[in-house]
C-alpha atoms as a PDB file:
ATOM      1  CA  GLN A   1      -0.117   0.046   0.099  1.00  0.00           C
ATOM      2  CA  ASP A   2       1.066   3.622  -0.588  1.00  0.00           C
ATOM      3  CA  ASN A   3      -0.982   5.818   1.728  1.00  0.00           C
ATOM      4  CA  ARG A   4      -0.767   9.581   1.821  1.00  0.00           C
ATOM      5  CA  VAL A   5      -2.829  12.361   3.486  1.00  0.00           C
ATOM      6  CA  GLN A   6      -2.519  15.682   2.176  1.00  0.00           C
ATOM      7  CA  GLU A   7      -3.981  18.861   4.311  1.00  0.00           C
ATOM      8  CA  GLU A   8      -4.347  22.510   3.338  1.00  0.00           C
ATOM      9  CA  ILE A   9      -5.183  24.899   6.284  1.00  0.00           C
ATOM     10  CA  TRP A  10      -6.343  28.490   5.951  1.00  0.00           C
ATOM     11  CA  ALA A  11      -6.342  30.533   9.053  1.00  0.00           C
ATOM     12  CA  ALA A  12      -7.010  33.980  10.091  1.00  0.00           C
ATOM     13  CA  TYR A  13      -6.411  35.333  13.821  1.00  0.00           C
ATOM     14  CA  ALA A  14      -7.364  38.564  15.326  1.00  0.00           C
ATOM     15  CA  GLN A  15      -6.304  39.756  18.794  1.00  0.00           C
ATOM     16  CA  VAL A  16      -6.835  42.977  21.069  1.00  0.00           C
ATOM     17  CA  THR A  17      -4.877  43.745  24.178  1.00  0.00           C
ATOM     18  CA  ILE A  18      -6.589  46.253  26.792  1.00  0.00           C
ATOM     19  CA  ASN A  19      -4.384  47.542  29.612  1.00  0.00           C
ATOM     20  CA  THR A  20      -6.702  49.473  32.153  1.00  0.00           C
ATOM     21  CA  THR A  21      -7.757  49.697  35.725  1.00  0.00           C
ATOM     22  CA  LEU A  22     -10.812  48.136  37.334  1.00  0.00           C
ATOM     23  CA  ALA A  23     -11.873  49.541  40.445  1.00  0.00           C
ATOM     24  CA  GLY A  24      -8.787  51.345  40.780  1.00  0.00           C
ATOM     25  CA  ARG A  25      -6.534  48.236  40.227  1.00  0.00           C
ATOM     26  CA  PRO A  26      -4.251  47.288  37.184  1.00  0.00           C
ATOM     27  CA  ALA A  27      -5.947  44.883  34.896  1.00  0.00           C
ATOM     28  CA  ASN A  28      -5.070  43.292  31.590  1.00  0.00           C
ATOM     29  CA  LEU A  29      -7.444  41.681  28.835  1.00  0.00           C
ATOM     30  CA  VAL A  30      -6.188  39.770  25.753  1.00  0.00           C
ATOM     31  CA  ALA A  31      -8.771  38.592  23.514  1.00  0.00           C
ATOM     32  CA  GLY A  32      -8.485  36.756  20.226  1.00  0.00           C
ATOM     33  CA  VAL A  33     -10.250  34.624  17.776  1.00  0.00           C
ATOM     34  CA  ARG A  34      -8.889  32.335  15.082  1.00  0.00           C
ATOM     35  CA  TYR A  35     -10.663  30.956  12.231  1.00  0.00           C
ATOM     36  CA  GLU A  36      -9.401  27.774  10.365  1.00  0.00           C
ATOM     37  CA  HIS A  37     -10.599  26.049   7.121  1.00  0.00           C
ATOM     38  CA  THR A  38      -9.037  22.647   6.550  1.00  0.00           C
ATOM     39  CA  ASN A  39      -9.075  20.679   3.458  1.00  0.00           C
ATOM     40  CA  SER A  40      -7.886  17.093   3.448  1.00  0.00           C
ATOM     41  CA  THR A  41      -7.523  14.412   0.924  1.00  0.00           C
ATOM     42  CA  SER A  42      -6.673  10.622   1.697  1.00  0.00           C
ATOM     43  CA  THR A  43      -5.168   8.912  -1.084  1.00  0.00           C
ATOM     44  CA  SER A  44      -4.191   5.312  -1.207  1.00  0.00           C
ATOM     45  CA  VAL A  45      -2.755   2.849  -3.947  1.00  0.00           C
ATOM     46  CA  ILE A  46      -3.711  -0.540  -3.116  1.00  0.00           C
ATOM     47  CA  VAL A  47      -3.334  -3.879  -4.699  1.00  0.00           C
ATOM     48  CA  PRO A  48      -6.571  -5.337  -4.092  1.00  0.00           C
ATOM     49  CA  PRO A  49      -6.738  -9.233  -3.261  1.00  0.00           C
ATOM     50  CA  SER A  50      -8.512 -11.345  -6.061  1.00  0.00           C
ATOM     51  CA  ALA A  51      -9.505 -14.370  -3.545  1.00  0.00           C
ATOM     52  CA  LEU A  52      -8.938 -15.916  -0.370  1.00  0.00           C
ATOM     53  CA  ARG A  53      -7.652 -19.475  -0.857  1.00  0.00           C
ATOM     54  CA  TRP A  54      -8.275 -22.125   1.746  1.00  0.00           C
ATOM     55  CA  ASP A  55      -5.216 -24.150   1.665  1.00  0.00           C
ATOM     56  CA  ALA A  56      -5.804 -26.730   4.338  1.00  0.00           C
ATOM     57  CA  ASP A  57      -7.199 -27.130   7.875  1.00  0.00           C
ATOM     58  CA  ASN A  58      -6.973 -23.433   9.378  1.00  0.00           C
ATOM     59  CA  ASP A  59      -4.585 -22.189   6.585  1.00  0.00           C
ATOM     60  CA  PHE A  60      -5.864 -19.392   4.235  1.00  0.00           C
ATOM     61  CA  THR A  61      -3.870 -17.460   1.740  1.00  0.00           C
ATOM     62  CA  LYS A  62      -4.807 -13.926   0.453  1.00  0.00           C
ATOM     63  CA  VAL A  63      -4.254 -14.092  -3.197  1.00  0.00           C
ATOM     64  CA  LEU A  64      -3.184 -10.681  -4.576  1.00  0.00           C
ATOM     65  CA  GLY A  65      -4.541  -9.347  -7.942  1.00  0.00           C
ATOM     66  CA  THR A  66      -2.648  -8.276 -10.779  1.00  0.00           C
ATOM     67  CA  GLY A  67      -3.120  -4.364 -10.737  1.00  0.00           C
ATOM     68  CA  ASN A  68      -3.302  -1.327  -8.725  1.00  0.00           C
ATOM     69  CA  THR A  69      -6.303   0.605  -7.624  1.00  0.00           C
ATOM     70  CA  LEU A  70      -6.588   4.091  -6.434  1.00  0.00           C
ATOM     71  CA  VAL A  71      -8.726   5.056  -3.497  1.00  0.00           C
ATOM     72  CA  SER A  72      -8.954   8.801  -2.881  1.00  0.00           C
ATOM     73  CA  GLN A  73     -11.563  10.471  -0.347  1.00  0.00           C
ATOM     74  CA  SER A  74     -11.798  14.221   0.346  1.00  0.00           C
ATOM     75  CA  ALA A  75     -13.164  15.996   3.472  1.00  0.00           C
ATOM     76  CA  SER A  76     -13.232  19.487   4.778  1.00  0.00           C
ATOM     77  CA  TYR A  77     -14.175  21.188   8.124  1.00  0.00           C
ATOM     78  CA  ASP A  78     -14.209  24.957   9.645  1.00  0.00           C
ATOM     79  CA  HIS A  79     -13.474  25.823  13.121  1.00  0.00           C
ATOM     80  CA  ILE A  80     -13.828  29.144  15.179  1.00  0.00           C
ATOM     81  CA  LEU A  81     -11.358  29.072  18.065  1.00  0.00           C
ATOM     82  CA  PRO A  82     -11.781  32.047  20.716  1.00  0.00           C
ATOM     83  CA  ALA A  83      -9.357  32.900  23.412  1.00  0.00           C
ATOM     84  CA  LEU A  84      -9.808  35.108  26.359  1.00  0.00           C
ATOM     85  CA  ASP A  85      -7.034  35.922  29.087  1.00  0.00           C
ATOM     86  CA  PHE A  86      -7.844  38.147  32.079  1.00  0.00           C
ATOM     87  CA  SER A  87      -5.613  39.241  35.023  1.00  0.00           C
ATOM     88  CA  ILE A  88      -6.028  41.905  37.837  1.00  0.00           C
ATOM     89  CA  ASP A  89      -3.650  42.956  40.509  1.00  0.00           C
ATOM     90  CA  LEU A  90      -6.108  42.634  43.443  1.00  0.00           C
ATOM     91  CA  THR A  91      -3.275  43.823  45.770  1.00  0.00           C
ATOM     92  CA  SER A  92       0.306  44.525  45.381  1.00  0.00           C
ATOM     93  CA  LYS A  93       1.234  41.036  45.947  1.00  0.00           C
ATOM     94  CA  LEU A  94      -1.962  39.157  44.921  1.00  0.00           C
ATOM     95  CA  LYS A  95      -2.842  38.627  41.315  1.00  0.00           C
ATOM     96  CA  GLY A  96      -6.166  37.006  39.893  1.00  0.00           C
ATOM     97  CA  ARG A  97      -6.264  35.254  36.439  1.00  0.00           C
ATOM     98  CA  VAL A  98      -9.115  33.874  34.333  1.00  0.00           C
ATOM     99  CA  SER A  99      -8.624  32.245  31.023  1.00  0.00           C
ATOM    100  CA  PHE A 100     -10.881  30.496  28.513  1.00  0.00           C
ATOM    101  CA  GLY A 101      -9.911  29.084  25.039  1.00  0.00           C
ATOM    102  CA  LYS A 102     -11.268  26.423  22.437  1.00  0.00           C
ATOM    103  CA  THR A 103      -8.583  24.349  20.995  1.00  0.00           C
ATOM    104  CA  ILE A 104      -8.426  21.463  18.594  1.00  0.00           C
ATOM    105  CA  ALA A 105      -6.288  18.289  17.919  1.00  0.00           C
ATOM    106  CA  ARG A 106      -6.223  16.518  14.554  1.00  0.00           C
ATOM    107  CA  PRO A 107      -6.339  12.899  14.391  1.00  0.00           C
ATOM    108  CA  ASP A 108      -3.120  11.039  13.381  1.00  0.00           C
ATOM    109  CA  PHE A 109      -2.635  10.369   9.783  1.00  0.00           C
ATOM    110  CA  GLY A 110      -2.759   6.688  10.104  1.00  0.00           C
ATOM    111  CA  SER A 111      -6.375   6.971  11.302  1.00  0.00           C
ATOM    112  CA  LEU A 112      -7.210   8.954   8.181  1.00  0.00           C
ATOM    113  CA  PHE A 113      -5.908   6.466   5.461  1.00  0.00           C
ATOM    114  CA  SER A 114      -8.693   5.492   2.826  1.00  0.00           C
ATOM    115  CA  ALA A 115      -7.263   2.015   1.973  1.00  0.00           C
ATOM    116  CA  VAL A 116      -8.769  -1.226   3.257  1.00  0.00           C
ATOM    117  CA  SER A 117      -6.462  -3.942   4.174  1.00  0.00           C
ATOM    118  CA  ILE A 118      -7.141  -7.750   4.861  1.00  0.00           C
ATOM    119  CA  GLY A 119      -4.855  -9.834   6.728  1.00  0.00           C
ATOM    120  CA  SER A 120      -2.727 -12.634   5.237  1.00  0.00           C
ATOM    121  CA  ASN A 121      -4.100 -15.411   7.364  1.00  0.00           C
ATOM    122  CA  ASN A 122      -7.652 -14.408   7.295  1.00  0.00           C
ATOM    123  CA  PRO A 123     -10.099 -15.940   8.449  1.00  0.00           C
ATOM    124  CA  ASN A 124      -8.114 -17.839  11.109  1.00  0.00           C
ATOM    125  CA  ARG A 125     -10.391 -20.902  10.665  1.00  0.00           C
ATOM    126  CA  PRO A 126     -13.192 -21.893   8.332  1.00  0.00           C
ATOM    127  CA  THR A 127     -16.393 -19.747   8.765  1.00  0.00           C
ATOM    128  CA  TYR A 128     -18.315 -22.880   9.114  1.00  0.00           C
ATOM    129  CA  LEU A 129     -16.566 -23.387  12.359  1.00  0.00           C
ATOM    130  CA  GLY A 130     -16.973 -19.773  13.615  1.00  0.00           C
ATOM    131  CA  GLY A 131     -14.101 -17.955  11.658  1.00  0.00           C
ATOM    132  CA  VAL A 132     -14.627 -14.232  10.932  1.00  0.00           C
ATOM    133  CA  PRO A 133     -12.765 -12.722   8.076  1.00  0.00           C
ATOM    134  CA  SER A 134     -11.732  -9.168   8.796  1.00  0.00           C
ATOM    135  CA  ALA A 135     -10.278  -5.982   7.380  1.00  0.00           C
ATOM    136  CA  ARG A 136      -9.104  -2.818   8.695  1.00  0.00           C
ATOM    137  CA  SER A 137      -9.526   0.706   7.243  1.00  0.00           C
ATOM    138  CA  GLY A 138      -8.975   4.283   8.533  1.00  0.00           C
ATOM    139  CA  ASN A 139     -11.670   7.159   8.103  1.00  0.00           C
ATOM    140  CA  PRO A 140     -10.879  10.138   5.909  1.00  0.00           C
ATOM    141  CA  ASN A 141     -13.901  12.041   7.257  1.00  0.00           C
ATOM    142  CA  LEU A 142     -12.646  12.117  10.897  1.00  0.00           C
ATOM    143  CA  VAL A 143     -12.577  15.609  12.340  1.00  0.00           C
ATOM    144  CA  PRO A 144     -10.517  16.846  15.145  1.00  0.00           C
ATOM    145  CA  LEU A 145     -11.012  16.735  18.890  1.00  0.00           C
ATOM    146  CA  VAL A 146     -12.395  19.901  20.099  1.00  0.00           C
ATOM    147  CA  SER A 147     -11.596  21.012  23.779  1.00  0.00           C
ATOM    148  CA  ASP A 148     -13.125  23.748  25.679  1.00  0.00           C
ATOM    149  CA  ASN A 149     -10.626  25.054  28.482  1.00  0.00           C
ATOM    150  CA  LEU A 150     -11.219  27.096  31.642  1.00  0.00           C
ATOM    151  CA  ASP A 151      -8.365  28.073  34.044  1.00  0.00           C
ATOM    152  CA  ILE A 152      -8.861  30.072  37.151  1.00  0.00           C
ATOM    153  CA  SER A 153      -5.915  30.946  39.383  1.00  0.00           C
ATOM    154  CA  LEU A 154      -4.797  33.192  42.309  1.00  0.00           C
ATOM    155  CA  GLU A 155      -1.265  34.020  42.849  1.00  0.00           C
ATOM    156  CA  TRP A 156       0.412  35.446  45.890  1.00  0.00           C
ATOM    157  CA  TYR A 157       3.859  36.760  45.256  1.00  0.00           C
ATOM    158  CA  PHE A 158       5.360  36.887  49.059  1.00  0.00           C
ATOM    159  CA  ALA A 159       8.949  37.541  48.108  1.00  0.00           C
ATOM    160  CA  ARG A 160      11.033  39.016  45.037  1.00  0.00           C
ATOM    161  CA  SER A 161      11.140  35.897  43.114  1.00  0.00           C
ATOM    162  CA  SER A 162       8.753  33.609  44.826  1.00  0.00           C
ATOM    163  CA  TYR A 163       5.114  32.977  44.800  1.00  0.00           C
ATOM    164  CA  VAL A 164       2.260  30.483  45.501  1.00  0.00           C
ATOM    165  CA  SER A 165      -0.668  29.845  43.353  1.00  0.00           C
ATOM    166  CA  ILE A 166      -3.653  27.904  43.640  1.00  0.00           C
ATOM    167  CA  GLY A 167      -5.701  27.208  40.471  1.00  0.00           C
ATOM    168  CA  PHE A 168      -8.783  25.557  38.971  1.00  0.00           C
ATOM    169  CA  PHE A 169      -9.264  24.190  35.371  1.00  0.00           C
ATOM    170  CA  ASP A 170     -11.896  22.427  33.579  1.00  0.00           C
ATOM    171  CA  LYS A 171     -11.350  20.779  30.073  1.00  0.00           C
ATOM    172  CA  ARG A 172     -14.251  19.383  28.034  1.00  0.00           C
ATOM    173  CA  VAL A 173     -13.242  17.380  25.005  1.00  0.00           C
ATOM    174  CA  LYS A 174     -15.426  15.791  22.453  1.00  0.00           C
ATOM    175  CA  ASN A 175     -14.839  13.920  19.195  1.00  0.00           C
ATOM    176  CA  PHE A 176     -12.725  11.184  20.512  1.00  0.00           C
ATOM    177  CA  VAL A 177     -11.682   8.673  17.763  1.00  0.00           C
ATOM    178  CA  GLY A 178     -13.078   5.296  18.383  1.00  0.00           C
ATOM    179  CA  THR A 179     -13.289   2.069  16.415  1.00  0.00           C
ATOM    180  CA  GLY A 180     -16.281   0.136  15.203  1.00  0.00           C
ATOM    181  CA  GLN A 181     -17.280  -2.835  13.328  1.00  0.00           C
ATOM    182  CA  GLU A 182     -19.307  -3.154   9.996  1.00  0.00           C
ATOM    183  CA  ASN A 183     -20.406  -6.077   8.038  1.00  0.00           C
ATOM    184  CA  GLN A 184     -19.893  -5.685   4.195  1.00  0.00           C
ATOM    185  CA  THR A 185     -18.591  -7.582   1.230  1.00  0.00           C
ATOM    186  CA  LEU A 186     -15.080  -6.359   0.265  1.00  0.00           C
ATOM    187  CA  PHE A 187     -13.470  -6.458  -3.198  1.00  0.00           C
ATOM    188  CA  GLY A 188     -16.101  -9.140  -4.414  1.00  0.00           C
ATOM    189  CA  LEU A 189     -14.341 -11.876  -2.317  1.00  0.00           C
ATOM    190  CA  ARG A 190     -16.341 -14.902  -1.791  1.00  0.00           C
ATOM    191  CA  ASP A 191     -16.182 -17.079   1.681  1.00  0.00           C
ATOM    192  CA  PRO A 192     -13.204 -19.464   1.223  1.00  0.00           C
ATOM    193  CA  SER A 193     -14.896 -22.234   3.093  1.00  0.00           C
END
């Protein structure tokens, strides 16, 4: 197999920074937003099997065909990713901070392959005796994990280069990559047993 994944990512980012006072105390606000558009193409060159041959007992052989097949699939998705950081000097030695942001993490390339692969000793016994032929495939339509992140902290600067901090964070993640099973006929292969 020859598996390739190509991604094109277009992004725009805007940010504003405000240094001000709030209730007479110095405060800082940094707010930004990032927009991303991603085009993804997964291309695989495979040699599809022409047959699963039952040799003897529990021995099966995958017989490869004579030509290559190109399998390609495209996908696209958009994300708006805001970020906000706020800090205030509550006293000369005490600082409060609040941060919120939305982030993404793309799936690994191996999960995006469009090829379907069948193992060599497949099934491991005749289907009449419970053997189940299987194959593996990625999914080019997978989208990134999306995480909403909140951080709140309080910092006490008790000496020139020393401080103690207490914090709370909350992270909510969705779009985890999982695996599933699907029954279908592949490459027109017949049950070898």
